[in-house]
PDB file of all heavy atoms in Angstrom:
ATOM      1  N   LYS A   1      -2.061  16.635  -3.660  1.00  0.00           N
ATOM      2  CA  LYS A   1      -3.165  16.407  -4.605  1.00  0.00           C
ATOM      3  C   LYS A   1      -2.808  15.448  -5.750  1.00  0.00           C
ATOM      4  O   LYS A   1      -3.555  15.343  -6.722  1.00  0.00           O
ATOM      5  CB  LYS A   1      -3.676  17.732  -5.191  1.00  0.00           C
ATOM      6  CG  LYS A   1      -4.188  18.705  -4.145  1.00  0.00           C
ATOM      7  CD  LYS A   1      -4.596  20.024  -4.777  1.00  0.00           C
ATOM      8  CE  LYS A   1      -4.861  21.063  -3.712  1.00  0.00           C
ATOM      9  NZ  LYS A   1      -5.097  22.400  -4.292  1.00  0.00           N
ATOM     10  N   GLU A   2      -1.695  14.755  -5.637  1.00  0.00           N
ATOM     11  CA  GLU A   2      -1.319  13.797  -6.678  1.00  0.00           C
ATOM     12  C   GLU A   2      -2.146  12.519  -6.524  1.00  0.00           C
ATOM     13  O   GLU A   2      -2.560  12.162  -5.424  1.00  0.00           O
ATOM     14  CB  GLU A   2       0.170  13.469  -6.577  1.00  0.00           C
ATOM     15  CG  GLU A   2       0.694  12.659  -7.754  1.00  0.00           C
ATOM     16  CD  GLU A   2       2.215  12.487  -7.737  1.00  0.00           C
ATOM     17  OE1 GLU A   2       2.835  12.715  -6.678  1.00  0.00           O
ATOM     18  OE2 GLU A   2       2.761  12.116  -8.786  1.00  0.00           O
ATOM     19  N   PHE A   3      -2.397  11.840  -7.632  1.00  0.00           N
ATOM     20  CA  PHE A   3      -3.103  10.556  -7.623  1.00  0.00           C
ATOM     21  C   PHE A   3      -2.068   9.478  -7.962  1.00  0.00           C
ATOM     22  O   PHE A   3      -1.621   9.360  -9.089  1.00  0.00           O
ATOM     23  CB  PHE A   3      -4.229  10.551  -8.666  1.00  0.00           C
ATOM     24  CG  PHE A   3      -5.271   9.488  -8.427  1.00  0.00           C
ATOM     25  CD1 PHE A   3      -6.606   9.822  -8.276  1.00  0.00           C
ATOM     26  CD2 PHE A   3      -4.924   8.139  -8.359  1.00  0.00           C
ATOM     27  CE1 PHE A   3      -7.583   8.839  -8.060  1.00  0.00           C
ATOM     28  CE2 PHE A   3      -5.876   7.160  -8.143  1.00  0.00           C
ATOM     29  CZ  PHE A   3      -7.211   7.519  -7.989  1.00  0.00           C
ATOM     30  N   ILE A   4      -1.691   8.713  -6.937  1.00  0.00           N
ATOM     31  CA  ILE A   4      -0.694   7.649  -7.078  1.00  0.00           C
ATOM     32  C   ILE A   4      -1.400   6.299  -7.061  1.00  0.00           C
ATOM     33  O   ILE A   4      -2.271   6.054  -6.221  1.00  0.00           O
ATOM     34  CB  ILE A   4       0.326   7.699  -5.914  1.00  0.00           C
ATOM     35  CG1 ILE A   4       1.220   8.931  -6.044  1.00  0.00           C
ATOM     36  CG2 ILE A   4       1.169   6.429  -5.869  1.00  0.00           C
ATOM     37  CD1 ILE A   4       2.259   8.856  -7.129  1.00  0.00           C
ATOM     38  N   VAL A   5      -1.034   5.426  -7.993  1.00  0.00           N
ATOM     39  CA  VAL A   5      -1.604   4.077  -8.020  1.00  0.00           C
ATOM     40  C   VAL A   5      -0.502   3.056  -7.776  1.00  0.00           C
ATOM     41  O   VAL A   5       0.539   3.078  -8.447  1.00  0.00           O
ATOM     42  CB  VAL A   5      -2.284   3.783  -9.370  1.00  0.00           C
ATOM     43  CG1 VAL A   5      -2.855   2.367  -9.369  1.00  0.00           C
ATOM     44  CG2 VAL A   5      -3.400   4.781  -9.649  1.00  0.00           C
ATOM     45  N   LEU A   6      -0.706   2.193  -6.776  1.00  0.00           N
ATOM     46  CA  LEU A   6       0.195   1.061  -6.535  1.00  0.00           C
ATOM     47  C   LEU A   6      -0.412  -0.145  -7.245  1.00  0.00           C
ATOM     48  O   LEU A   6      -1.564  -0.514  -6.977  1.00  0.00           O
ATOM     49  CB  LEU A   6       0.325   0.766  -5.038  1.00  0.00           C
ATOM     50  CG  LEU A   6       0.703   1.927  -4.111  1.00  0.00           C
ATOM     51  CD1 LEU A   6       0.856   1.421  -2.677  1.00  0.00           C
ATOM     52  CD2 LEU A   6       1.979   2.604  -4.558  1.00  0.00           C
ATOM     53  N   VAL A   7       0.354  -0.739  -8.152  1.00  0.00           N
ATOM     54  CA  VAL A   7      -0.190  -1.833  -8.955  1.00  0.00           C
ATOM     55  C   VAL A   7       0.796  -2.986  -8.997  1.00  0.00           C
ATOM     56  O   VAL A   7       2.016  -2.783  -8.943  1.00  0.00           O
ATOM     57  CB  VAL A   7      -0.541  -1.343 -10.387  1.00  0.00           C
ATOM     58  CG1 VAL A   7       0.698  -0.903 -11.138  1.00  0.00           C
ATOM     59  CG2 VAL A   7      -1.285  -2.398 -11.182  1.00  0.00           C
ATOM     60  N   GLY A   8       0.276  -4.188  -9.082  1.00  0.00           N
ATOM     61  CA  GLY A   8       1.126  -5.371  -9.157  1.00  0.00           C
ATOM     62  C   GLY A   8       0.284  -6.609  -8.920  1.00  0.00           C
ATOM     63  O   GLY A   8      -0.902  -6.520  -8.556  1.00  0.00           O
ATOM     64  N   PRO A   9       0.858  -7.790  -9.107  1.00  0.00           N
ATOM     65  CA  PRO A   9       0.108  -9.030  -8.889  1.00  0.00           C
ATOM     66  C   PRO A   9      -0.182  -9.262  -7.415  1.00  0.00           C
ATOM     67  O   PRO A   9       0.383  -8.587  -6.541  1.00  0.00           O
ATOM     68  CB  PRO A   9       1.056 -10.103  -9.444  1.00  0.00           C
ATOM     69  CG  PRO A   9       2.425  -9.504  -9.329  1.00  0.00           C
ATOM     70  CD  PRO A   9       2.252  -8.029  -9.532  1.00  0.00           C
ATOM     71  N   SER A  10      -1.059 -10.201  -7.134  1.00  0.00           N
ATOM     72  CA  SER A  10      -1.379 -10.541  -5.742  1.00  0.00           C
ATOM     73  C   SER A  10      -0.111 -10.936  -4.990  1.00  0.00           C
ATOM     74  O   SER A  10       0.728 -11.656  -5.528  1.00  0.00           O
ATOM     75  CB  SER A  10      -2.384 -11.696  -5.699  1.00  0.00           C
ATOM     76  OG  SER A  10      -3.599 -11.316  -6.287  1.00  0.00           O
ATOM     77  N   GLY A  11       0.004 -10.446  -3.754  1.00  0.00           N
ATOM     78  CA  GLY A  11       1.151 -10.799  -2.921  1.00  0.00           C
ATOM     79  C   GLY A  11       2.389  -9.963  -3.154  1.00  0.00           C
ATOM     80  O   GLY A  11       3.450 -10.272  -2.617  1.00  0.00           O
ATOM     81  N   CYS A  12       2.273  -8.871  -3.924  1.00  0.00           N
ATOM     82  CA  CYS A  12       3.470  -8.069  -4.221  1.00  0.00           C
ATOM     83  C   CYS A  12       3.769  -7.033  -3.140  1.00  0.00           C
ATOM     84  O   CYS A  12       4.821  -6.398  -3.165  1.00  0.00           O
ATOM     85  CB  CYS A  12       3.329  -7.376  -5.581  1.00  0.00           C
ATOM     86  SG  CYS A  12       2.130  -6.032  -5.606  1.00  0.00           S
ATOM     87  N   GLY A  13       2.849  -6.817  -2.196  1.00  0.00           N
ATOM     88  CA  GLY A  13       3.101  -5.889  -1.096  1.00  0.00           C
ATOM     89  C   GLY A  13       2.378  -4.561  -1.208  1.00  0.00           C
ATOM     90  O   GLY A  13       2.531  -3.695  -0.348  1.00  0.00           O
ATOM     91  N   LYS A  14       1.530  -4.395  -2.218  1.00  0.00           N
ATOM     92  CA  LYS A  14       0.880  -3.090  -2.422  1.00  0.00           C
ATOM     93  C   LYS A  14      -0.134  -2.767  -1.321  1.00  0.00           C
ATOM     94  O   LYS A  14      -0.154  -1.638  -0.800  1.00  0.00           O
ATOM     95  CB  LYS A  14       0.246  -3.011  -3.809  1.00  0.00           C
ATOM     96  CG  LYS A  14      -0.756  -4.106  -4.139  1.00  0.00           C
ATOM     97  CD  LYS A  14      -1.149  -4.097  -5.601  1.00  0.00           C
ATOM     98  CE  LYS A  14      -2.256  -5.117  -5.886  1.00  0.00           C
ATOM     99  NZ  LYS A  14      -1.812  -6.520  -5.664  1.00  0.00           N
ATOM    100  N   SER A  15      -0.976  -3.738  -0.949  1.00  0.00           N
ATOM    101  CA  SER A  15      -1.956  -3.481   0.110  1.00  0.00           C
ATOM    102  C   SER A  15      -1.276  -3.325   1.466  1.00  0.00           C
ATOM    103  O   SER A  15      -1.709  -2.526   2.296  1.00  0.00           O
ATOM    104  CB  SER A  15      -2.994  -4.610   0.176  1.00  0.00           C
ATOM    105  OG  SER A  15      -3.852  -4.556  -0.943  1.00  0.00           O
ATOM    106  N   THR A  16      -0.205  -4.074   1.683  1.00  0.00           N
ATOM    107  CA  THR A  16       0.564  -3.935   2.935  1.00  0.00           C
ATOM    108  C   THR A  16       1.134  -2.525   3.041  1.00  0.00           C
ATOM    109  O   THR A  16       1.091  -1.899   4.113  1.00  0.00           O
ATOM    110  CB  THR A  16       1.702  -4.967   2.980  1.00  0.00           C
ATOM    111  OG1 THR A  16       1.147  -6.278   2.888  1.00  0.00           O
ATOM    112  CG2 THR A  16       2.503  -4.843   4.264  1.00  0.00           C
ATOM    113  N   THR A  17       1.649  -1.995   1.925  1.00  0.00           N
ATOM    114  CA  THR A  17       2.179  -0.628   1.916  1.00  0.00           C
ATOM    115  C   THR A  17       1.074   0.366   2.261  1.00  0.00           C
ATOM    116  O   THR A  17       1.268   1.286   3.061  1.00  0.00           O
ATOM    117  CB  THR A  17       2.775  -0.296   0.531  1.00  0.00           C
ATOM    118  OG1 THR A  17       3.802  -1.239   0.225  1.00  0.00           O
ATOM    119  CG2 THR A  17       3.355   1.107   0.503  1.00  0.00           C
ATOM    120  N   LEU A  18      -0.106   0.188   1.653  1.00  0.00           N
ATOM    121  CA  LEU A  18      -1.229   1.092   1.922  1.00  0.00           C
ATOM    122  C   LEU A  18      -1.626   1.033   3.390  1.00  0.00           C
ATOM    123  O   LEU A  18      -1.903   2.065   4.012  1.00  0.00           O
ATOM    124  CB  LEU A  18      -2.415   0.707   1.038  1.00  0.00           C
ATOM    125  CG  LEU A  18      -3.526   1.754   0.928  1.00  0.00           C
ATOM    126  CD1 LEU A  18      -3.106   2.857  -0.029  1.00  0.00           C
ATOM    127  CD2 LEU A  18      -4.833   1.130   0.447  1.00  0.00           C
ATOM    128  N   ARG A  19      -1.637  -0.167   3.947  1.00  0.00           N
ATOM    129  CA  ARG A  19      -2.031  -0.323   5.349  1.00  0.00           C
ATOM    130  C   ARG A  19      -1.003   0.281   6.297  1.00  0.00           C
ATOM    131  O   ARG A  19      -1.349   0.757   7.368  1.00  0.00           O
ATOM    132  CB  ARG A  19      -2.267  -1.816   5.656  1.00  0.00           C
ATOM    133  CG  ARG A  19      -3.519  -2.361   4.969  1.00  0.00           C
ATOM    134  CD  ARG A  19      -3.656  -3.868   5.146  1.00  0.00           C
ATOM    135  NE  ARG A  19      -3.859  -4.220   6.550  1.00  0.00           N
ATOM    136  CZ  ARG A  19      -5.023  -4.190   7.167  1.00  0.00           C
ATOM    137  NH1 ARG A  19      -6.111  -3.811   6.520  1.00  0.00           N
ATOM    138  NH2 ARG A  19      -5.126  -4.538   8.436  1.00  0.00           N
ATOM    139  N   MET A  20       0.272   0.284   5.903  1.00  0.00           N
ATOM    140  CA  MET A  20       1.288   0.967   6.713  1.00  0.00           C
ATOM    141  C   MET A  20       1.068   2.479   6.686  1.00  0.00           C
ATOM    142  O   MET A  20       1.231   3.156   7.702  1.00  0.00           O
ATOM    143  CB  MET A  20       2.690   0.615   6.225  1.00  0.00           C
ATOM    144  CG  MET A  20       3.149  -0.776   6.616  1.00  0.00           C
ATOM    145  SD  MET A  20       4.913  -1.076   6.323  1.00  0.00           S
ATOM    146  CE  MET A  20       4.941  -1.299   4.544  1.00  0.00           C
ATOM    147  N   ILE A  21       0.685   3.007   5.527  1.00  0.00           N
ATOM    148  CA  ILE A  21       0.390   4.443   5.434  1.00  0.00           C
ATOM    149  C   ILE A  21      -0.812   4.782   6.316  1.00  0.00           C
ATOM    150  O   ILE A  21      -0.831   5.810   6.996  1.00  0.00           O
ATOM    151  CB  ILE A  21       0.125   4.849   3.968  1.00  0.00           C
ATOM    152  CG1 ILE A  21       1.395   4.675   3.129  1.00  0.00           C
ATOM    153  CG2 ILE A  21      -0.360   6.298   3.880  1.00  0.00           C
ATOM    154  CD1 ILE A  21       1.178   4.816   1.632  1.00  0.00           C
ATOM    155  N   ALA A  22      -1.802   3.880   6.326  1.00  0.00           N
ATOM    156  CA  ALA A  22      -3.010   4.105   7.128  1.00  0.00           C
ATOM    157  C   ALA A  22      -2.755   3.942   8.623  1.00  0.00           C
ATOM    158  O   ALA A  22      -3.533   4.437   9.447  1.00  0.00           O
ATOM    159  CB  ALA A  22      -4.101   3.135   6.693  1.00  0.00           C
ATOM    160  N   GLY A  23      -1.682   3.225   8.980  1.00  0.00           N
ATOM    161  CA  GLY A  23      -1.413   2.947  10.389  1.00  0.00           C
ATOM    162  C   GLY A  23      -2.019   1.642  10.852  1.00  0.00           C
ATOM    163  O   GLY A  23      -2.011   1.328  12.047  1.00  0.00           O
ATOM    164  N   LEU A  24      -2.561   0.857   9.922  1.00  0.00           N
ATOM    165  CA  LEU A  24      -3.159  -0.433  10.273  1.00  0.00           C
ATOM    166  C   LEU A  24      -2.118  -1.538  10.356  1.00  0.00           C
ATOM    167  O   LEU A  24      -2.403  -2.624  10.861  1.00  0.00           O
ATOM    168  CB  LEU A  24      -4.227  -0.805   9.241  1.00  0.00           C
ATOM    169  CG  LEU A  24      -5.362   0.208   9.065  1.00  0.00           C
ATOM    170  CD1 LEU A  24      -6.303  -0.227   7.956  1.00  0.00           C
ATOM    171  CD2 LEU A  24      -6.118   0.402  10.370  1.00  0.00           C
ATOM    172  N   GLU A  25      -0.937  -1.286   9.804  1.00  0.00           N
ATOM    173  CA  GLU A  25       0.204  -2.197   9.924  1.00  0.00           C
ATOM    174  C   GLU A  25       1.382  -1.400  10.471  1.00  0.00           C
ATOM    175  O   GLU A  25       1.608  -0.253  10.078  1.00  0.00           O
ATOM    176  CB  GLU A  25       0.601  -2.785   8.560  1.00  0.00           C
ATOM    177  CG  GLU A  25      -0.408  -3.718   7.938  1.00  0.00           C
ATOM    178  CD  GLU A  25      -0.320  -5.133   8.490  1.00  0.00           C
ATOM    179  OE1 GLU A  25       0.542  -5.377   9.363  1.00  0.00           O
ATOM    180  OE2 GLU A  25      -1.108  -5.984   8.038  1.00  0.00           O
ATOM    181  N   GLU A  26       2.121  -2.019  11.372  1.00  0.00           N
ATOM    182  CA  GLU A  26       3.302  -1.358  11.933  1.00  0.00           C
ATOM    183  C   GLU A  26       4.429  -1.341  10.895  1.00  0.00           C
ATOM    184  O   GLU A  26       4.622  -2.310  10.149  1.00  0.00           O
ATOM    185  CB  GLU A  26       3.761  -2.130  13.172  1.00  0.00           C
ATOM    186  CG  GLU A  26       4.907  -1.477  13.908  1.00  0.00           C
ATOM    187  CD  GLU A  26       5.345  -2.293  15.113  1.00  0.00           C
ATOM    188  OE1 GLU A  26       4.521  -3.093  15.616  1.00  0.00           O
ATOM    189  OE2 GLU A  26       6.498  -2.145  15.543  1.00  0.00           O
ATOM    190  N   ILE A  27       5.149  -0.232  10.817  1.00  0.00           N
ATOM    191  CA  ILE A  27       6.297  -0.123   9.917  1.00  0.00           C
ATOM    192  C   ILE A  27       7.511  -0.741  10.618  1.00  0.00           C
ATOM    193  O   ILE A  27       7.879  -0.321  11.716  1.00  0.00           O
ATOM    194  CB  ILE A  27       6.573   1.357   9.559  1.00  0.00           C
ATOM    195  CG1 ILE A  27       5.392   1.928   8.771  1.00  0.00           C
ATOM    196  CG2 ILE A  27       7.862   1.506   8.761  1.00  0.00           C
ATOM    197  CD1 ILE A  27       5.461   3.427   8.545  1.00  0.00           C
TER     198      ILE A  27
END
């Protein structure tokens, strides 16, 4: 139930990390 925010400038890898958690990107 924790609320974690990944933040950083464009191209820092935050959306890629989220997509790996979702399974949309291979780890």
